[in-house]
Amino acid sequence: MFRTLPRPLAWAGAAVLVATLAGAQIERLDLGQMVAKTDNAVHGHIVASEVVRIDDPVDGPELYFTHLTIEGNSLYGAHEGDPIRVQVTFPGGFISPDQGVYNSEAPSADETRIGNDVVVFYKWSDNMGGGMAANALYAWHGGIYRVAQTRDGAVALGKGDGFAISSNVRVTDLQSQIAKLRK
């Protein structure tokens, strides 16, 4: 049997939904803003991917997080150019087809495939939810960029206006831009 909510309750729920959606927005970041807000960026290959589930008494059951392990080179500061192996994490993912959660702001499966050449921006988080402390992929799908090999070298593929890497840029040029921004 299908039941409807009493009209005042339905309107109250709609008002809360509209207020919530009106306050929510996706952060637009240019490269300078991304560099200022993150701890590091790495250019490298995804060598491992793992989804974990956390059941937390405060944040709730069935919290899923995806860990990506990247091996490559740091693009920031004193460690610029140094080899690095880092694990970055974002909310969402699937342990099996029936166990997991999709997150609309998470990077696509194509972006996070093992073996991909990527540039990734991240920032440490003491608690991403459920007590998960990790290097959080900053801006989720806006913090990972595929890299293509061309005859001119490695090129980070831009994602358009509002993203830190808005247009295609050689990784060597990106590294130079980042070095200037960090001074």
C-alpha atoms as a PDB file:
ATOM      1  CA  MET A   1       0.000   0.000   0.000  1.00  0.00           C
ATOM      2  CA  PHE A   2       1.332   3.440  -0.967  1.00  0.00           C
ATOM      3  CA  ARG A   3       1.026   6.172   1.648  1.00  0.00           C
ATOM      4  CA  THR A   4       1.730   9.872   1.246  1.00  0.00           C
ATOM      5  CA  LEU A   5       3.071  12.250   3.842  1.00  0.00           C
ATOM      6  CA  PRO A   6       0.732  14.807   5.373  1.00  0.00           C
ATOM      7  CA  ARG A   7       0.955  18.005   3.295  1.00  0.00           C
ATOM      8  CA  PRO A   8       2.675  20.177   5.993  1.00  0.00           C
ATOM      9  CA  LEU A   9       5.280  17.475   6.597  1.00  0.00           C
ATOM     10  CA  ALA A  10       5.889  17.076   2.853  1.00  0.00           C
ATOM     11  CA  TRP A  11       6.353  20.854   2.428  1.00  0.00           C
ATOM     12  CA  ALA A  12       8.730  20.985   5.393  1.00  0.00           C
ATOM     13  CA  GLY A  13      10.783  18.169   3.906  1.00  0.00           C
ATOM     14  CA  ALA A  14      10.873  19.913   0.528  1.00  0.00           C
ATOM     15  CA  ALA A  15      12.011  23.159   2.168  1.00  0.00           C
ATOM     16  CA  VAL A  16      14.861  21.376   3.936  1.00  0.00           C
ATOM     17  CA  LEU A  17      15.899  19.693   0.684  1.00  0.00           C
ATOM     18  CA  VAL A  18      15.898  23.002  -1.235  1.00  0.00           C
ATOM     19  CA  ALA A  19      17.851  24.760   1.529  1.00  0.00           C
ATOM     20  CA  THR A  20      20.402  21.953   1.571  1.00  0.00           C
ATOM     21  CA  LEU A  21      20.839  21.965  -2.198  1.00  0.00           C
ATOM     22  CA  ALA A  22      21.035  25.761  -2.338  1.00  0.00           C
ATOM     23  CA  GLY A  23      23.953  25.737   0.116  1.00  0.00           C
ATOM     24  CA  ALA A  24      25.829  22.942  -1.603  1.00  0.00           C
ATOM     25  CA  GLN A  25      28.245  23.769  -4.355  1.00  0.00           C
ATOM     26  CA  ILE A  26      31.287  22.290  -5.993  1.00  0.00           C
ATOM     27  CA  GLU A  27      34.470  24.222  -5.318  1.00  0.00           C
ATOM     28  CA  ARG A  28      36.076  25.735  -8.415  1.00  0.00           C
ATOM     29  CA  LEU A  29      39.867  25.688  -8.140  1.00  0.00           C
ATOM     30  CA  ASP A  30      42.520  27.099 -10.406  1.00  0.00           C
ATOM     31  CA  LEU A  31      46.043  25.679 -10.143  1.00  0.00           C
ATOM     32  CA  GLY A  32      47.175  28.318  -7.630  1.00  0.00           C
ATOM     33  CA  GLN A  33      44.246  27.601  -5.324  1.00  0.00           C
ATOM     34  CA  MET A  34      44.799  23.836  -5.597  1.00  0.00           C
ATOM     35  CA  VAL A  35      48.484  24.169  -4.751  1.00  0.00           C
ATOM     36  CA  ALA A  36      47.697  26.446  -1.779  1.00  0.00           C
ATOM     37  CA  LYS A  37      45.181  23.962  -0.343  1.00  0.00           C
ATOM     38  CA  THR A  38      47.084  20.689  -0.766  1.00  0.00           C
ATOM     39  CA  ASP A  39      50.086  19.044   0.852  1.00  0.00           C
ATOM     40  CA  ASN A  40      51.572  17.547  -2.306  1.00  0.00           C
ATOM     41  CA  ALA A  41      50.998  16.386  -5.838  1.00  0.00           C
ATOM     42  CA  VAL A  42      52.510  13.357  -7.472  1.00  0.00           C
ATOM     43  CA  HIS A  43      52.978  12.354 -11.087  1.00  0.00           C
ATOM     44  CA  GLY A  44      53.119   8.594 -11.422  1.00  0.00           C
ATOM     45  CA  HIS A  45      51.333   5.323 -12.042  1.00  0.00           C
ATOM     46  CA  ILE A  46      48.525   3.754 -10.055  1.00  0.00           C
ATOM     47  CA  VAL A  47      50.024   0.473  -8.836  1.00  0.00           C
ATOM     48  CA  ALA A  48      47.298  -0.688  -6.449  1.00  0.00           C
ATOM     49  CA  SER A  49      43.666  -0.061  -5.566  1.00  0.00           C
ATOM     50  CA  GLU A  50      41.755  -1.276  -2.545  1.00  0.00           C
ATOM     51  CA  VAL A  51      38.274  -0.572  -1.201  1.00  0.00           C
ATOM     52  CA  VAL A  52      37.697  -0.819   2.540  1.00  0.00           C
ATOM     53  CA  ARG A  53      34.529  -0.773   4.617  1.00  0.00           C
ATOM     54  CA  ILE A  54      34.213   0.874   8.015  1.00  0.00           C
ATOM     55  CA  ASP A  55      31.266   0.477  10.376  1.00  0.00           C
ATOM     56  CA  ASP A  56      31.459   3.355  12.829  1.00  0.00           C
ATOM     57  CA  PRO A  57      29.293   3.891  15.912  1.00  0.00           C
ATOM     58  CA  VAL A  58      29.208   7.670  15.313  1.00  0.00           C
ATOM     59  CA  ASP A  59      29.322   8.090  11.523  1.00  0.00           C
ATOM     60  CA  GLY A  60      27.293   4.984  10.799  1.00  0.00           C
ATOM     61  CA  PRO A  61      27.622   1.617   9.129  1.00  0.00           C
ATOM     62  CA  GLU A  62      28.892   0.809   5.679  1.00  0.00           C
ATOM     63  CA  LEU A  63      31.318   3.638   5.019  1.00  0.00           C
ATOM     64  CA  TYR A  64      33.373   2.737   1.937  1.00  0.00           C
ATOM     65  CA  PHE A  65      36.703   4.276   0.961  1.00  0.00           C
ATOM     66  CA  THR A  66      38.974   3.605  -2.005  1.00  0.00           C
ATOM     67  CA  HIS A  67      42.752   3.674  -1.510  1.00  0.00           C
ATOM     68  CA  LEU A  68      44.920   4.247  -4.582  1.00  0.00           C
ATOM     69  CA  THR A  69      48.660   3.654  -4.368  1.00  0.00           C
ATOM     70  CA  ILE A  70      50.677   5.877  -6.701  1.00  0.00           C
ATOM     71  CA  GLU A  71      54.365   5.439  -7.494  1.00  0.00           C
ATOM     72  CA  GLY A  72      56.077   8.348  -9.187  1.00  0.00           C
ATOM     73  CA  ASN A  73      57.650  11.694  -8.409  1.00  0.00           C
ATOM     74  CA  SER A  74      56.653  14.530  -6.102  1.00  0.00           C
ATOM     75  CA  LEU A  75      55.769  17.804  -7.807  1.00  0.00           C
ATOM     76  CA  TYR A  76      56.091  19.971  -4.658  1.00  0.00           C
ATOM     77  CA  GLY A  77      58.735  21.822  -2.709  1.00  0.00           C
ATOM     78  CA  ALA A  78      61.835  20.341  -1.168  1.00  0.00           C
ATOM     79  CA  HIS A  79      60.901  16.900  -2.447  1.00  0.00           C
ATOM     80  CA  GLU A  80      60.201  18.078  -6.017  1.00  0.00           C
ATOM     81  CA  GLY A  81      61.295  15.365  -8.423  1.00  0.00           C
ATOM     82  CA  ASP A  82      61.993  12.846  -5.639  1.00  0.00           C
ATOM     83  CA  PRO A  83      60.617   9.328  -6.059  1.00  0.00           C
ATOM     84  CA  ILE A  84      57.498   8.823  -3.972  1.00  0.00           C
ATOM     85  CA  ARG A  85      55.054   6.047  -3.173  1.00  0.00           C
ATOM     86  CA  VAL A  86      51.861   7.420  -1.665  1.00  0.00           C
ATOM     87  CA  GLN A  87      48.421   6.132  -0.874  1.00  0.00           C
ATOM     88  CA  VAL A  88      45.550   8.558  -1.552  1.00  0.00           C
ATOM     89  CA  THR A  89      41.975   7.936  -0.468  1.00  0.00           C
ATOM     90  CA  PHE A  90      38.512   9.046  -1.528  1.00  0.00           C
ATOM     91  CA  PRO A  91      35.006   8.148  -0.302  1.00  0.00           C
ATOM     92  CA  GLY A  92      33.091   5.458  -2.151  1.00  0.00           C
ATOM     93  CA  GLY A  93      33.945   2.273  -3.988  1.00  0.00           C
ATOM     94  CA  PHE A  94      32.895  -1.330  -4.279  1.00  0.00           C
ATOM     95  CA  ILE A  95      34.309  -4.420  -2.600  1.00  0.00           C
ATOM     96  CA  SER A  96      32.013  -6.553  -4.761  1.00  0.00           C
ATOM     97  CA  PRO A  97      29.139  -5.767  -7.144  1.00  0.00           C
ATOM     98  CA  ASP A  98      26.727  -5.993  -4.199  1.00  0.00           C
ATOM     99  CA  GLN A  99      28.858  -4.418  -1.477  1.00  0.00           C
ATOM    100  CA  GLY A 100      29.848  -0.784  -1.806  1.00  0.00           C
ATOM    101  CA  VAL A 101      28.596   2.665  -2.593  1.00  0.00           C
ATOM    102  CA  TYR A 102      28.783   4.950  -5.584  1.00  0.00           C
ATOM    103  CA  ASN A 103      29.787   8.549  -4.896  1.00  0.00           C
ATOM    104  CA  SER A 104      28.948  11.073  -7.631  1.00  0.00           C
ATOM    105  CA  GLU A 105      32.020  13.181  -6.828  1.00  0.00           C
ATOM    106  CA  ALA A 106      34.422  10.239  -6.891  1.00  0.00           C
ATOM    107  CA  PRO A 107      36.771   9.802  -9.829  1.00  0.00           C
ATOM    108  CA  SER A 108      35.580   7.431 -12.527  1.00  0.00           C
ATOM    109  CA  ALA A 109      36.670   3.801 -12.726  1.00  0.00           C
ATOM    110  CA  ASP A 110      38.490   4.719 -15.948  1.00  0.00           C
ATOM    111  CA  GLU A 111      40.521   7.410 -14.124  1.00  0.00           C
ATOM    112  CA  THR A 112      41.497   5.084 -11.268  1.00  0.00           C
ATOM    113  CA  ARG A 113      42.457   1.975 -13.244  1.00  0.00           C
ATOM    114  CA  ILE A 114      45.662   0.228 -12.148  1.00  0.00           C
ATOM    115  CA  GLY A 115      48.480   1.123 -14.520  1.00  0.00           C
ATOM    116  CA  ASN A 116      47.152   4.596 -15.351  1.00  0.00           C
ATOM    117  CA  ASP A 117      49.648   7.433 -15.565  1.00  0.00           C
ATOM    118  CA  VAL A 118      48.183  10.278 -13.449  1.00  0.00           C
ATOM    119  CA  VAL A 119      48.801  13.533 -11.624  1.00  0.00           C
ATOM    120  CA  VAL A 120      47.166  13.477  -8.182  1.00  0.00           C
ATOM    121  CA  PHE A 121      46.742  16.282  -5.620  1.00  0.00           C
ATOM    122  CA  TYR A 122      46.189  15.340  -1.974  1.00  0.00           C
ATOM    123  CA  LYS A 123      45.953  16.651   1.586  1.00  0.00           C
ATOM    124  CA  TRP A 124      46.162  14.837   4.900  1.00  0.00           C
ATOM    125  CA  SER A 125      42.878  14.343   6.751  1.00  0.00           C
ATOM    126  CA  ASP A 126      42.737  13.159  10.365  1.00  0.00           C
ATOM    127  CA  ASN A 127      39.191  11.866   9.845  1.00  0.00           C
ATOM    128  CA  MET A 128      37.499  11.437   6.464  1.00  0.00           C
ATOM    129  CA  GLY A 129      34.625   9.714   8.288  1.00  0.00           C
ATOM    130  CA  GLY A 130      34.515   6.683  10.511  1.00  0.00           C
ATOM    131  CA  GLY A 131      37.957   7.568  11.883  1.00  0.00           C
ATOM    132  CA  MET A 132      39.622   7.087   8.472  1.00  0.00           C
ATOM    133  CA  ALA A 133      42.874   9.062   8.615  1.00  0.00           C
ATOM    134  CA  ALA A 134      44.520   9.299   5.206  1.00  0.00           C
ATOM    135  CA  ASN A 135      45.930  11.413   2.406  1.00  0.00           C
ATOM    136  CA  ALA A 136      42.608  12.550   0.955  1.00  0.00           C
ATOM    137  CA  LEU A 137      42.384  12.969  -2.797  1.00  0.00           C
ATOM    138  CA  TYR A 138      41.704  16.692  -2.868  1.00  0.00           C
ATOM    139  CA  ALA A 139      38.512  17.777  -4.626  1.00  0.00           C
ATOM    140  CA  TRP A 140      37.845  14.084  -5.326  1.00  0.00           C
ATOM    141  CA  HIS A 141      37.359  13.791  -9.113  1.00  0.00           C
ATOM    142  CA  GLY A 142      38.929  17.258  -9.449  1.00  0.00           C
ATOM    143  CA  GLY A 143      42.179  16.100  -7.851  1.00  0.00           C
ATOM    144  CA  ILE A 144      43.178  13.378 -10.328  1.00  0.00           C
ATOM    145  CA  TYR A 145      44.250  13.939 -13.926  1.00  0.00           C
ATOM    146  CA  ARG A 146      45.087  11.334 -16.548  1.00  0.00           C
ATOM    147  CA  VAL A 147      48.451  11.687 -18.295  1.00  0.00           C
ATOM    148  CA  ALA A 148      49.030  10.828 -21.939  1.00  0.00           C
ATOM    149  CA  GLN A 149      52.411  10.112 -23.482  1.00  0.00           C
ATOM    150  CA  THR A 150      53.048  12.201 -26.597  1.00  0.00           C
ATOM    151  CA  ARG A 151      56.109  12.806 -28.759  1.00  0.00           C
ATOM    152  CA  ASP A 152      56.524  16.055 -26.762  1.00  0.00           C
ATOM    153  CA  GLY A 153      56.507  14.157 -23.466  1.00  0.00           C
ATOM    154  CA  ALA A 154      53.954  13.428 -20.760  1.00  0.00           C
ATOM    155  CA  VAL A 155      50.840  15.635 -20.948  1.00  0.00           C
ATOM    156  CA  ALA A 156      48.352  16.033 -18.082  1.00  0.00           C
ATOM    157  CA  LEU A 157      44.867  16.076 -19.595  1.00  0.00           C
ATOM    158  CA  GLY A 158      42.850  19.110 -18.532  1.00  0.00           C
ATOM    159  CA  LYS A 159      39.239  18.842 -17.384  1.00  0.00           C
ATOM    160  CA  GLY A 160      37.928  22.268 -18.358  1.00  0.00           C
ATOM    161  CA  ASP A 161      37.053  25.548 -16.704  1.00  0.00           C
ATOM    162  CA  GLY A 162      36.897  25.388 -12.909  1.00  0.00           C
ATOM    163  CA  PHE A 163      39.467  22.608 -12.547  1.00  0.00           C
ATOM    164  CA  ALA A 164      43.067  23.068 -11.356  1.00  0.00           C
ATOM    165  CA  ILE A 165      44.328  21.693 -14.668  1.00  0.00           C
ATOM    166  CA  SER A 166      41.821  23.214 -17.050  1.00  0.00           C
ATOM    167  CA  SER A 167      43.611  22.441 -20.318  1.00  0.00           C
ATOM    168  CA  ASN A 168      46.228  19.964 -21.464  1.00  0.00           C
ATOM    169  CA  VAL A 169      49.705  20.806 -20.176  1.00  0.00           C
ATOM    170  CA  ARG A 170      53.052  19.045 -20.359  1.00  0.00           C
ATOM    171  CA  VAL A 171      53.915  17.624 -16.953  1.00  0.00           C
ATOM    172  CA  THR A 172      57.318  19.373 -17.035  1.00  0.00           C
ATOM    173  CA  ASP A 173      55.525  22.713 -17.591  1.00  0.00           C
ATOM    174  CA  LEU A 174      53.043  21.863 -14.828  1.00  0.00           C
ATOM    175  CA  GLN A 175      55.931  21.152 -12.468  1.00  0.00           C
ATOM    176  CA  SER A 176      57.465  24.555 -13.340  1.00  0.00           C
ATOM    177  CA  GLN A 177      54.119  26.314 -12.782  1.00  0.00           C
ATOM    178  CA  ILE A 178      53.736  24.616  -9.414  1.00  0.00           C
ATOM    179  CA  ALA A 179      57.294  25.575  -8.374  1.00  0.00           C
ATOM    180  CA  LYS A 180      56.557  29.265  -9.165  1.00  0.00           C
ATOM    181  CA  LEU A 181      53.277  29.132  -7.251  1.00  0.00           C
ATOM    182  CA  ARG A 182      54.916  27.620  -4.170  1.00  0.00           C
ATOM    183  CA  LYS A 183      57.517  30.420  -3.885  1.00  0.00           C
END
